[in-house]
Amino acid sequence: MPPAVVAEGLVKKYGDVMALDGMDLSVPEGTVFGLLGPNGAGKTTTVRILTTLLKPDAGHATVAGFDVVGDAQRLRSHIGASGQYAAVDDHLTGAENLEMVGRLYHLGTKRSKERARELLECFDLTQAADRPVQGYSGGMRRRLDLAGALVANPPVLFLDEPTTGLDPRARAGLWDVISELVAGGTTLLLTTQYMEEADRLADRIAVVDHGRVIALGTADELKDQVGGDRIALTVTDPADLETARRLLAPLAVGEMQADTTALQVTVPVNNGAASLTNALARLAAEGVTVRDAGLRRPTLDDVFLTLTGHEAAENVKEHSR
């Protein structure tokens, strides 16, 4: 079967800023594809082009077999999208919001009401269906927004950082809902800054930076690219932080990181357990008091520090029009 989403050499500029610089993607039908990257990497611009909200300056893309520029009008009835912020009307009830979306899709009044109730039940919002959305929690608003993207049963769904700003419980709940959607055959393109989110949901992940894909694979494959274990070690005395860095440097197999605020040193190592034992022995011999220490797998920041030379923190705001 042909891919559900194909992008070839997408370019988008805003003045002197290159938002996309040759973005290439291929998303197999019925899978979850994650775009993982920091703010400003080009994730949202990519989604806006694929959902016909922006036109690329160069390159070509198809979604569900439709050209995103030439077939934009027909494509819109085959996709659903949920942005970084819930696009719901606070003054309408949850049911009224979904009914409005149904009418915009020309489902008719009766079918719009039926579809709204189906989705409210699916997203565990039945009890809040007739309450104004302004009284909803953040997690409820995100679920309602996602329900709105599904009113027309689109075969391809785009979620742009769907859990940004949610607490851990609301985020986990939304992950469960997304997993159920994909199990039903929906193709999903997901943008996120959270490695754990991509790890949980995505079949494959494209790491993007400066408007292009810099790495592609499963979550485990990406972690393996940046090495194995990390020693994360926190000292008690700020004066010991530099001593800890000096003593642990011989164990490092990559660039060490130090957080002066948290008094933590992170060291990429081979043979994790043995290296941790060695590290603690070195520090004890020099009288450095350790508050806590442990081994962990690479994080999003580790991936980006290795692949791009900078951490996955907000560096350049995503440009939009």
C-alpha atoms as a PDB file:
ATOM      1  CA  MET A   1       0.000   0.000   0.000  1.00  0.00           C
ATOM      2  CA  PRO A   2       1.279   3.521  -0.731  1.00  0.00           C
ATOM      3  CA  PRO A   3       2.298   5.659   2.251  1.00  0.00           C
ATOM      4  CA  ALA A   4      -0.453   7.721   3.839  1.00  0.00           C
ATOM      5  CA  VAL A   5       1.831  10.766   4.050  1.00  0.00           C
ATOM      6  CA  VAL A   6       4.740  11.634   1.759  1.00  0.00           C
ATOM      7  CA  ALA A   7       6.831  14.798   1.882  1.00  0.00           C
ATOM      8  CA  GLU A   8       9.738  15.389  -0.467  1.00  0.00           C
ATOM      9  CA  GLY A   9      12.111  18.317  -0.127  1.00  0.00           C
ATOM     10  CA  LEU A  10       9.708  20.699   1.612  1.00  0.00           C
ATOM     11  CA  VAL A  11      11.088  24.223   1.957  1.00  0.00           C
ATOM     12  CA  LYS A  12       9.487  27.122   3.812  1.00  0.00           C
ATOM     13  CA  LYS A  13      11.037  30.496   4.587  1.00  0.00           C
ATOM     14  CA  TYR A  14       9.812  33.413   6.695  1.00  0.00           C
ATOM     15  CA  GLY A  15      11.927  36.328   5.590  1.00  0.00           C
ATOM     16  CA  ASP A  16      15.509  35.356   6.361  1.00  0.00           C
ATOM     17  CA  VAL A  17      14.460  32.452   8.596  1.00  0.00           C
ATOM     18  CA  MET A  18      14.517  28.984   7.042  1.00  0.00           C
ATOM     19  CA  ALA A  19      11.720  27.089   8.801  1.00  0.00           C
ATOM     20  CA  LEU A  20      11.967  24.006   6.548  1.00  0.00           C
ATOM     21  CA  ASP A  21      15.108  23.153   4.639  1.00  0.00           C
ATOM     22  CA  GLY A  22      14.350  20.042   2.604  1.00  0.00           C
ATOM     23  CA  MET A  23      11.981  18.077   4.876  1.00  0.00           C
ATOM     24  CA  ASP A  24      11.473  14.468   3.743  1.00  0.00           C
ATOM     25  CA  LEU A  25       8.903  12.138   5.332  1.00  0.00           C
ATOM     26  CA  SER A  26       7.161   8.875   4.530  1.00  0.00           C
ATOM     27  CA  VAL A  27       4.433   7.598   6.850  1.00  0.00           C
ATOM     28  CA  PRO A  28       3.047   4.088   6.206  1.00  0.00           C
ATOM     29  CA  GLU A  29      -0.709   3.716   6.408  1.00  0.00           C
ATOM     30  CA  GLY A  30      -2.082   2.608   9.773  1.00  0.00           C
ATOM     31  CA  THR A  31       1.004   3.606  11.768  1.00  0.00           C
ATOM     32  CA  VAL A  32       2.032   6.309  14.224  1.00  0.00           C
ATOM     33  CA  PHE A  33       4.879   8.491  13.023  1.00  0.00           C
ATOM     34  CA  GLY A  34       6.492  10.873  15.478  1.00  0.00           C
ATOM     35  CA  LEU A  35       8.194  14.169  14.656  1.00  0.00           C
ATOM     36  CA  LEU A  36      10.489  14.801  17.584  1.00  0.00           C
ATOM     37  CA  GLY A  37      12.310  18.084  18.007  1.00  0.00           C
ATOM     38  CA  PRO A  38      12.744  21.306  19.961  1.00  0.00           C
ATOM     39  CA  ASN A  39      10.736  24.474  19.431  1.00  0.00           C
ATOM     40  CA  GLY A  40      11.802  26.025  16.160  1.00  0.00           C
ATOM     41  CA  ALA A  41      12.830  22.739  14.566  1.00  0.00           C
ATOM     42  CA  GLY A  42      10.091  22.914  11.927  1.00  0.00           C
ATOM     43  CA  LYS A  43       7.519  20.495  13.341  1.00  0.00           C
ATOM     44  CA  THR A  44       4.535  22.821  13.368  1.00  0.00           C
ATOM     45  CA  THR A  45       5.403  24.283   9.964  1.00  0.00           C
ATOM     46  CA  THR A  46       5.488  20.755   8.545  1.00  0.00           C
ATOM     47  CA  VAL A  47       2.064  19.961  10.003  1.00  0.00           C
ATOM     48  CA  ARG A  48       0.605  23.209   8.673  1.00  0.00           C
ATOM     49  CA  ILE A  49       1.789  22.385   5.174  1.00  0.00           C
ATOM     50  CA  LEU A  50       0.503  18.810   5.334  1.00  0.00           C
ATOM     51  CA  THR A  51      -2.891  20.022   6.558  1.00  0.00           C
ATOM     52  CA  THR A  52      -3.131  22.649   3.752  1.00  0.00           C
ATOM     53  CA  LEU A  53      -2.831  25.645   6.102  1.00  0.00           C
ATOM     54  CA  LEU A  54       0.441  26.742   4.492  1.00  0.00           C
ATOM     55  CA  LYS A  55       1.892  26.403   1.019  1.00  0.00           C
ATOM     56  CA  PRO A  56       5.515  25.288   0.726  1.00  0.00           C
ATOM     57  CA  ASP A  57       8.000  27.474  -1.102  1.00  0.00           C
ATOM     58  CA  ALA A  58       9.454  24.355  -2.703  1.00  0.00           C
ATOM     59  CA  GLY A  59       9.012  20.599  -2.557  1.00  0.00           C
ATOM     60  CA  HIS A  60       6.010  18.326  -2.844  1.00  0.00           C
ATOM     61  CA  ALA A  61       3.720  16.474  -0.436  1.00  0.00           C
ATOM     62  CA  THR A  62       0.722  14.157  -0.585  1.00  0.00           C
ATOM     63  CA  VAL A  63      -1.631  13.030   2.163  1.00  0.00           C
ATOM     64  CA  ALA A  64      -4.093  10.181   1.665  1.00  0.00           C
ATOM     65  CA  GLY A  65      -3.181  10.311  -2.021  1.00  0.00           C
ATOM     66  CA  PHE A  66      -4.041  14.008  -2.432  1.00  0.00           C
ATOM     67  CA  ASP A  67      -1.562  16.737  -3.288  1.00  0.00           C
ATOM     68  CA  VAL A  68      -1.496  19.223  -0.394  1.00  0.00           C
ATOM     69  CA  VAL A  69      -1.527  22.177  -2.803  1.00  0.00           C
ATOM     70  CA  GLY A  70      -3.300  21.039  -5.954  1.00  0.00           C
ATOM     71  CA  ASP A  71      -5.918  18.891  -4.168  1.00  0.00           C
ATOM     72  CA  ALA A  72      -6.172  20.927  -0.944  1.00  0.00           C
ATOM     73  CA  GLN A  73      -9.962  21.272  -1.025  1.00  0.00           C
ATOM     74  CA  ARG A  74     -10.608  17.543  -1.442  1.00  0.00           C
ATOM     75  CA  LEU A  75      -7.877  16.609   1.030  1.00  0.00           C
ATOM     76  CA  ARG A  76      -9.455  18.536   3.906  1.00  0.00           C
ATOM     77  CA  SER A  77     -12.351  16.088   4.177  1.00  0.00           C
ATOM     78  CA  HIS A  78      -9.873  13.199   4.624  1.00  0.00           C
ATOM     79  CA  ILE A  79      -7.831  14.576   7.519  1.00  0.00           C
ATOM     80  CA  GLY A  80      -8.265  15.651  11.099  1.00  0.00           C
ATOM     81  CA  ALA A  81      -5.986  17.944  13.059  1.00  0.00           C
ATOM     82  CA  SER A  82      -5.464  19.029  16.647  1.00  0.00           C
ATOM     83  CA  GLY A  83      -3.042  21.865  17.366  1.00  0.00           C
ATOM     84  CA  GLN A  84      -0.968  22.814  20.369  1.00  0.00           C
ATOM     85  CA  TYR A  85      -3.899  24.635  21.941  1.00  0.00           C
ATOM     86  CA  ALA A  86      -7.436  23.310  22.189  1.00  0.00           C
ATOM     87  CA  ALA A  87      -9.525  24.967  19.456  1.00  0.00           C
ATOM     88  CA  VAL A  88     -12.855  24.923  21.248  1.00  0.00           C
ATOM     89  CA  ASP A  89     -15.481  27.582  21.930  1.00  0.00           C
ATOM     90  CA  ASP A  90     -15.642  28.290  25.663  1.00  0.00           C
ATOM     91  CA  HIS A  91     -19.194  29.619  25.468  1.00  0.00           C
ATOM     92  CA  LEU A  92     -20.639  26.465  23.875  1.00  0.00           C
ATOM     93  CA  THR A  93     -21.176  23.141  25.597  1.00  0.00           C
ATOM     94  CA  GLY A  94     -19.044  20.134  24.720  1.00  0.00           C
ATOM     95  CA  ALA A  95     -21.882  18.676  22.649  1.00  0.00           C
ATOM     96  CA  GLU A  96     -22.478  21.968  20.843  1.00  0.00           C
ATOM     97  CA  ASN A  97     -18.808  22.250  19.933  1.00  0.00           C
ATOM     98  CA  LEU A  98     -18.816  18.836  18.265  1.00  0.00           C
ATOM     99  CA  GLU A  99     -22.180  19.405  16.584  1.00  0.00           C
ATOM    100  CA  MET A 100     -20.799  22.618  15.075  1.00  0.00           C
ATOM    101  CA  VAL A 101     -17.823  20.728  13.642  1.00  0.00           C
ATOM    102  CA  GLY A 102     -20.185  18.140  12.177  1.00  0.00           C
ATOM    103  CA  ARG A 103     -22.195  20.800  10.413  1.00  0.00           C
ATOM    104  CA  LEU A 104     -18.998  22.336   9.032  1.00  0.00           C
ATOM    105  CA  TYR A 105     -18.247  18.912   7.545  1.00  0.00           C
ATOM    106  CA  HIS A 106     -21.781  18.917   6.042  1.00  0.00           C
ATOM    107  CA  LEU A 107     -22.906  15.897   8.047  1.00  0.00           C
ATOM    108  CA  GLY A 108     -26.356  17.395   8.560  1.00  0.00           C
ATOM    109  CA  THR A 109     -28.007  18.338  11.841  1.00  0.00           C
ATOM    110  CA  LYS A 110     -29.191  14.848  12.821  1.00  0.00           C
ATOM    111  CA  ARG A 111     -25.928  13.057  12.038  1.00  0.00           C
ATOM    112  CA  SER A 112     -23.895  15.837  13.685  1.00  0.00           C
ATOM    113  CA  LYS A 113     -25.808  15.363  16.933  1.00  0.00           C
ATOM    114  CA  GLU A 114     -25.404  11.578  16.744  1.00  0.00           C
ATOM    115  CA  ARG A 115     -21.693  11.813  16.023  1.00  0.00           C
ATOM    116  CA  ALA A 116     -21.198  14.310  18.859  1.00  0.00           C
ATOM    117  CA  ARG A 117     -22.759  11.931  21.382  1.00  0.00           C
ATOM    118  CA  GLU A 118     -20.711   9.003  20.064  1.00  0.00           C
ATOM    119  CA  LEU A 119     -17.470  10.909  20.529  1.00  0.00           C
ATOM    120  CA  LEU A 120     -18.410  12.334  23.915  1.00  0.00           C
ATOM    121  CA  GLU A 121     -18.928   8.779  25.133  1.00  0.00           C
ATOM    122  CA  CYS A 122     -15.702   7.592  23.505  1.00  0.00           C
ATOM    123  CA  PHE A 123     -13.701  10.337  25.214  1.00  0.00           C
ATOM    124  CA  ASP A 124     -15.398   9.927  28.592  1.00  0.00           C
ATOM    125  CA  LEU A 125     -17.055  13.341  28.405  1.00  0.00           C
ATOM    126  CA  THR A 126     -20.708  12.290  28.535  1.00  0.00           C
ATOM    127  CA  GLN A 127     -21.318  13.740  32.002  1.00  0.00           C
ATOM    128  CA  ALA A 128     -19.873  17.080  30.901  1.00  0.00           C
ATOM    129  CA  ALA A 129     -21.570  17.083  27.491  1.00  0.00           C
ATOM    130  CA  ASP A 130     -24.088  19.815  28.318  1.00  0.00           C
ATOM    131  CA  ARG A 131     -21.761  22.020  30.366  1.00  0.00           C
ATOM    132  CA  PRO A 132     -20.052  25.112  28.894  1.00  0.00           C
ATOM    133  CA  VAL A 133     -16.463  24.319  27.942  1.00  0.00           C
ATOM    134  CA  GLN A 134     -15.144  27.251  29.964  1.00  0.00           C
ATOM    135  CA  GLY A 135     -15.620  25.063  33.037  1.00  0.00           C
ATOM    136  CA  TYR A 136     -13.617  22.128  31.632  1.00  0.00           C
ATOM    137  CA  SER A 137     -10.202  21.139  32.958  1.00  0.00           C
ATOM    138  CA  GLY A 138      -7.171  21.247  30.666  1.00  0.00           C
ATOM    139  CA  GLY A 139      -7.322  17.502  30.076  1.00  0.00           C
ATOM    140  CA  MET A 140     -11.026  17.622  29.238  1.00  0.00           C
ATOM    141  CA  ARG A 141     -10.480  20.465  26.773  1.00  0.00           C
ATOM    142  CA  ARG A 142      -7.719  18.520  25.024  1.00  0.00           C
ATOM    143  CA  ARG A 143      -9.939  15.433  24.777  1.00  0.00           C
ATOM    144  CA  LEU A 144     -12.772  17.526  23.346  1.00  0.00           C
ATOM    145  CA  ASP A 145     -10.395  19.090  20.825  1.00  0.00           C
ATOM    146  CA  LEU A 146      -9.201  15.646  19.758  1.00  0.00           C
ATOM    147  CA  ALA A 147     -12.818  14.485  19.474  1.00  0.00           C
ATOM    148  CA  GLY A 148     -13.456  17.427  17.161  1.00  0.00           C
ATOM    149  CA  ALA A 149     -10.645  16.254  14.894  1.00  0.00           C
ATOM    150  CA  LEU A 150     -12.406  12.888  14.574  1.00  0.00           C
ATOM    151  CA  VAL A 151     -15.932  14.012  13.784  1.00  0.00           C
ATOM    152  CA  ALA A 152     -15.622  13.065  10.104  1.00  0.00           C
ATOM    153  CA  ASN A 153     -13.774   9.765  10.762  1.00  0.00           C
ATOM    154  CA  PRO A 154     -10.632  10.937   8.929  1.00  0.00           C
ATOM    155  CA  PRO A 155      -8.196   8.231   7.794  1.00  0.00           C
ATOM    156  CA  VAL A 156      -5.220  10.496   8.594  1.00  0.00           C
ATOM    157  CA  LEU A 157      -4.867  12.457  11.823  1.00  0.00           C
ATOM    158  CA  PHE A 158      -2.325  15.157  12.726  1.00  0.00           C
ATOM    159  CA  LEU A 159      -1.637  15.949  16.390  1.00  0.00           C
ATOM    160  CA  ASP A 160       0.712  18.868  17.029  1.00  0.00           C
ATOM    161  CA  GLU A 161       2.136  18.527  20.566  1.00  0.00           C
ATOM    162  CA  PRO A 162      -1.229  17.321  21.909  1.00  0.00           C
ATOM    163  CA  THR A 163      -0.180  16.992  25.558  1.00  0.00           C
ATOM    164  CA  THR A 164       1.728  20.253  26.017  1.00  0.00           C
ATOM    165  CA  GLY A 165       0.702  21.851  29.307  1.00  0.00           C
ATOM    166  CA  LEU A 166      -1.126  18.806  30.672  1.00  0.00           C
ATOM    167  CA  ASP A 167      -0.377  17.272  34.064  1.00  0.00           C
ATOM    168  CA  PRO A 168       0.962  13.679  34.123  1.00  0.00           C
ATOM    169  CA  ARG A 169      -2.458  12.106  34.760  1.00  0.00           C
ATOM    170  CA  ALA A 170      -4.159  14.006  31.933  1.00  0.00           C
ATOM    171  CA  ARG A 171      -1.245  13.236  29.614  1.00  0.00           C
ATOM    172  CA  ALA A 172      -1.433   9.492  30.356  1.00  0.00           C
ATOM    173  CA  GLY A 173      -5.182   9.537  29.771  1.00  0.00           C
ATOM    174  CA  LEU A 174      -4.784  11.196  26.399  1.00  0.00           C
ATOM    175  CA  TRP A 175      -2.106   8.662  25.460  1.00  0.00           C
ATOM    176  CA  ASP A 176      -4.614   5.877  26.115  1.00  0.00           C
ATOM    177  CA  VAL A 177      -7.194   7.545  23.875  1.00  0.00           C
ATOM    178  CA  ILE A 178      -4.651   7.998  21.072  1.00  0.00           C
ATOM    179  CA  SER A 179      -3.549   4.353  21.341  1.00  0.00           C
ATOM    180  CA  GLU A 180      -7.151   3.206  20.919  1.00  0.00           C
ATOM    181  CA  LEU A 181      -7.577   5.372  17.818  1.00  0.00           C
ATOM    182  CA  VAL A 182      -4.503   3.900  16.179  1.00  0.00           C
ATOM    183  CA  ALA A 183      -5.633   0.378  17.030  1.00  0.00           C
ATOM    184  CA  GLY A 184      -8.713   1.152  14.940  1.00  0.00           C
ATOM    185  CA  GLY A 185      -6.594   1.784  11.831  1.00  0.00           C
ATOM    186  CA  THR A 186      -6.056   5.539  11.893  1.00  0.00           C
ATOM    187  CA  THR A 187      -2.767   6.851  10.493  1.00  0.00           C
ATOM    188  CA  LEU A 188      -1.292   9.369  12.907  1.00  0.00           C
ATOM    189  CA  LEU A 189       1.452  11.944  12.538  1.00  0.00           C
ATOM    190  CA  LEU A 190       2.397  13.226  15.981  1.00  0.00           C
ATOM    191  CA  THR A 191       4.724  16.094  16.860  1.00  0.00           C
ATOM    192  CA  THR A 192       6.206  16.209  20.328  1.00  0.00           C
ATOM    193  CA  GLN A 193       9.105  17.414  22.440  1.00  0.00           C
ATOM    194  CA  TYR A 194       8.726  14.476  24.819  1.00  0.00           C
ATOM    195  CA  MET A 195      10.803  11.364  24.223  1.00  0.00           C
ATOM    196  CA  GLU A 196       8.537   9.376  26.558  1.00  0.00           C
ATOM    197  CA  GLU A 197       5.509  10.367  24.487  1.00  0.00           C
ATOM    198  CA  ALA A 198       7.141   9.295  21.230  1.00  0.00           C
ATOM    199  CA  ASP A 199       8.405   6.141  22.937  1.00  0.00           C
ATOM    200  CA  ARG A 200       4.901   5.252  24.087  1.00  0.00           C
ATOM    201  CA  LEU A 201       3.005   6.059  20.896  1.00  0.00           C
ATOM    202  CA  ALA A 202       5.188   6.099  17.786  1.00  0.00           C
ATOM    203  CA  ASP A 203       6.124   3.163  15.572  1.00  0.00           C
ATOM    204  CA  ARG A 204       8.875   5.274  14.017  1.00  0.00           C
ATOM    205  CA  ILE A 205      10.332   8.653  14.890  1.00  0.00           C
ATOM    206  CA  ALA A 206      11.988  11.335  12.801  1.00  0.00           C
ATOM    207  CA  VAL A 207      14.257  13.627  14.796  1.00  0.00           C
ATOM    208  CA  VAL A 208      14.111  17.074  13.202  1.00  0.00           C
ATOM    209  CA  ASP A 209      16.280  20.135  13.660  1.00  0.00           C
ATOM    210  CA  HIS A 210      16.724  23.294  11.582  1.00  0.00           C
ATOM    211  CA  GLY A 211      13.946  22.219   9.241  1.00  0.00           C
ATOM    212  CA  ARG A 212      15.180  18.793   8.208  1.00  0.00           C
ATOM    213  CA  VAL A 213      15.289  15.191   9.408  1.00  0.00           C
ATOM    214  CA  ILE A 214      18.593  14.403  11.132  1.00  0.00           C
ATOM    215  CA  ALA A 215      17.803  10.901  12.405  1.00  0.00           C
ATOM    216  CA  LEU A 216      15.136   8.272  11.795  1.00  0.00           C
ATOM    217  CA  GLY A 217      14.229   5.084  13.638  1.00  0.00           C
ATOM    218  CA  THR A 218      12.339   3.609  16.555  1.00  0.00           C
ATOM    219  CA  ALA A 219      12.707   5.151  20.001  1.00  0.00           C
ATOM    220  CA  ASP A 220      15.143   2.418  21.025  1.00  0.00           C
ATOM    221  CA  GLU A 221      17.182   2.852  17.854  1.00  0.00           C
ATOM    222  CA  LEU A 222      17.500   6.592  18.485  1.00  0.00           C
ATOM    223  CA  LYS A 223      18.575   6.016  22.067  1.00  0.00           C
ATOM    224  CA  ASP A 224      21.165   3.509  20.901  1.00  0.00           C
ATOM    225  CA  GLN A 225      22.575   6.102  18.493  1.00  0.00           C
ATOM    226  CA  VAL A 226      23.551   8.338  21.405  1.00  0.00           C
ATOM    227  CA  GLY A 227      25.084   5.567  23.487  1.00  0.00           C
ATOM    228  CA  GLY A 228      24.020   3.386  26.344  1.00  0.00           C
ATOM    229  CA  ASP A 229      23.699   4.328  30.004  1.00  0.00           C
ATOM    230  CA  ARG A 230      24.164   7.641  31.761  1.00  0.00           C
ATOM    231  CA  ILE A 231      25.357   8.099  35.326  1.00  0.00           C
ATOM    232  CA  ALA A 232      23.234  10.826  36.904  1.00  0.00           C
ATOM    233  CA  LEU A 233      24.908  11.891  40.131  1.00  0.00           C
ATOM    234  CA  THR A 234      24.087  14.719  42.551  1.00  0.00           C
ATOM    235  CA  VAL A 235      26.559  16.113  45.070  1.00  0.00           C
ATOM    236  CA  THR A 236      25.692  17.808  48.359  1.00  0.00           C
ATOM    237  CA  ASP A 237      28.252  20.621  48.403  1.00  0.00           C
ATOM    238  CA  PRO A 238      28.401  23.080  45.456  1.00  0.00           C
ATOM    239  CA  ALA A 239      32.157  23.215  45.914  1.00  0.00           C
ATOM    240  CA  ASP A 240      32.348  19.499  45.024  1.00  0.00           C
ATOM    241  CA  LEU A 241      30.686  19.839  41.618  1.00  0.00           C
ATOM    242  CA  GLU A 242      33.866  20.665  39.714  1.00  0.00           C
ATOM    243  CA  THR A 243      35.769  17.972  41.640  1.00  0.00           C
ATOM    244  CA  ALA A 244      33.146  15.429  40.616  1.00  0.00           C
ATOM    245  CA  ARG A 245      33.481  16.478  36.978  1.00  0.00           C
ATOM    246  CA  ARG A 246      37.255  16.062  37.108  1.00  0.00           C
ATOM    247  CA  LEU A 247      37.111  12.665  38.785  1.00  0.00           C
ATOM    248  CA  LEU A 248      34.441  11.264  36.467  1.00  0.00           C
ATOM    249  CA  ALA A 249      35.878  12.575  33.199  1.00  0.00           C
ATOM    250  CA  PRO A 250      38.013   9.421  32.620  1.00  0.00           C
ATOM    251  CA  LEU A 251      34.823   7.301  32.663  1.00  0.00           C
ATOM    252  CA  ALA A 252      32.956   9.368  30.080  1.00  0.00           C
ATOM    253  CA  VAL A 253      32.467   8.044  26.541  1.00  0.00           C
ATOM    254  CA  GLY A 254      30.853  11.262  25.358  1.00  0.00           C
ATOM    255  CA  GLU A 255      30.281  14.838  26.463  1.00  0.00           C
ATOM    256  CA  MET A 256      29.533  15.275  30.170  1.00  0.00           C
ATOM    257  CA  GLN A 257      26.842  17.666  31.380  1.00  0.00           C
ATOM    258  CA  ALA A 258      26.756  19.605  34.639  1.00  0.00           C
ATOM    259  CA  ASP A 259      23.761  21.368  36.174  1.00  0.00           C
ATOM    260  CA  THR A 260      25.045  23.953  38.647  1.00  0.00           C
ATOM    261  CA  THR A 261      21.560  24.604  40.011  1.00  0.00           C
ATOM    262  CA  ALA A 262      20.710  20.958  40.714  1.00  0.00           C
ATOM    263  CA  LEU A 263      24.373  20.142  41.548  1.00  0.00           C
ATOM    264  CA  GLN A 264      24.138  17.215  39.159  1.00  0.00           C
ATOM    265  CA  VAL A 265      26.668  15.666  36.821  1.00  0.00           C
ATOM    266  CA  THR A 266      25.558  13.443  33.941  1.00  0.00           C
ATOM    267  CA  VAL A 267      28.152  11.134  32.423  1.00  0.00           C
ATOM    268  CA  PRO A 268      27.643   8.876  29.364  1.00  0.00           C
ATOM    269  CA  VAL A 269      29.339   5.544  30.089  1.00  0.00           C
ATOM    270  CA  ASN A 270      29.842   2.003  28.886  1.00  0.00           C
ATOM    271  CA  ASN A 271      29.238  -0.961  31.205  1.00  0.00           C
ATOM    272  CA  GLY A 272      26.808   1.026  33.303  1.00  0.00           C
ATOM    273  CA  ALA A 273      26.792  -0.907  36.588  1.00  0.00           C
ATOM    274  CA  ALA A 274      30.574  -1.276  36.727  1.00  0.00           C
ATOM    275  CA  SER A 275      31.080   2.375  35.799  1.00  0.00           C
ATOM    276  CA  LEU A 276      28.684   3.512  38.523  1.00  0.00           C
ATOM    277  CA  THR A 277      30.575   1.473  41.128  1.00  0.00           C
ATOM    278  CA  ASN A 278      33.860   2.938  39.890  1.00  0.00           C
ATOM    279  CA  ALA A 279      32.459   6.471  39.968  1.00  0.00           C
ATOM    280  CA  LEU A 280      31.242   6.183  43.550  1.00  0.00           C
ATOM    281  CA  ALA A 281      34.594   4.757  44.642  1.00  0.00           C
ATOM    282  CA  ARG A 282      36.480   7.637  43.006  1.00  0.00           C
ATOM    283  CA  LEU A 283      34.304  10.231  44.713  1.00  0.00           C
ATOM    284  CA  ALA A 284      34.441   8.538  48.099  1.00  0.00           C
ATOM    285  CA  ALA A 285      38.240   8.418  47.936  1.00  0.00           C
ATOM    286  CA  GLU A 286      38.320  12.204  47.498  1.00  0.00           C
ATOM    287  CA  GLY A 287      35.755  12.830  50.235  1.00  0.00           C
ATOM    288  CA  VAL A 288      32.990  14.013  47.894  1.00  0.00           C
ATOM    289  CA  THR A 289      29.566  13.483  49.480  1.00  0.00           C
ATOM    290  CA  VAL A 290      26.972  12.166  47.043  1.00  0.00           C
ATOM    291  CA  ARG A 291      23.301  12.884  47.699  1.00  0.00           C
ATOM    292  CA  ASP A 292      22.033  10.368  45.145  1.00  0.00           C
ATOM    293  CA  ALA A 293      23.280   8.489  42.105  1.00  0.00           C
ATOM    294  CA  GLY A 294      21.871   6.118  39.510  1.00  0.00           C
ATOM    295  CA  LEU A 295      21.857   4.876  35.955  1.00  0.00           C
ATOM    296  CA  ARG A 296      19.359   5.984  33.342  1.00  0.00           C
ATOM    297  CA  ARG A 297      18.711   5.621  29.636  1.00  0.00           C
ATOM    298  CA  PRO A 298      19.288   8.574  27.295  1.00  0.00           C
ATOM    299  CA  THR A 299      16.696  11.323  27.334  1.00  0.00           C
ATOM    300  CA  LEU A 300      15.509  13.749  24.669  1.00  0.00           C
ATOM    301  CA  ASP A 301      18.224  16.207  25.707  1.00  0.00           C
ATOM    302  CA  ASP A 302      20.869  13.482  25.372  1.00  0.00           C
ATOM    303  CA  VAL A 303      19.670  12.668  21.863  1.00  0.00           C
ATOM    304  CA  PHE A 304      19.756  16.281  20.785  1.00  0.00           C
ATOM    305  CA  LEU A 305      23.025  17.126  22.471  1.00  0.00           C
ATOM    306  CA  THR A 306      24.669  14.273  20.584  1.00  0.00           C
ATOM    307  CA  LEU A 307      22.938  14.728  17.228  1.00  0.00           C
ATOM    308  CA  THR A 308      22.820  18.514  17.030  1.00  0.00           C
ATOM    309  CA  GLY A 309      25.275  19.849  19.587  1.00  0.00           C
ATOM    310  CA  HIS A 310      22.571  21.665  21.578  1.00  0.00           C
ATOM    311  CA  GLU A 311      19.950  20.689  24.104  1.00  0.00           C
ATOM    312  CA  ALA A 312      16.291  20.283  23.241  1.00  0.00           C
ATOM    313  CA  ALA A 313      15.330  23.513  24.941  1.00  0.00           C
ATOM    314  CA  GLU A 314      13.425  26.390  23.412  1.00  0.00           C
ATOM    315  CA  ASN A 315      15.903  28.137  21.152  1.00  0.00           C
ATOM    316  CA  VAL A 316      14.002  29.670  18.250  1.00  0.00           C
ATOM    317  CA  LYS A 317      10.262  30.285  18.291  1.00  0.00           C
ATOM    318  CA  GLU A 318       8.231  28.432  15.688  1.00  0.00           C
ATOM    319  CA  HIS A 319       7.345  30.983  13.016  1.00  0.00           C
ATOM    320  CA  SER A 320       3.805  31.124  11.712  1.00  0.00           C
ATOM    321  CA  ARG A 321       1.492  33.298   9.696  1.00  0.00           C
END
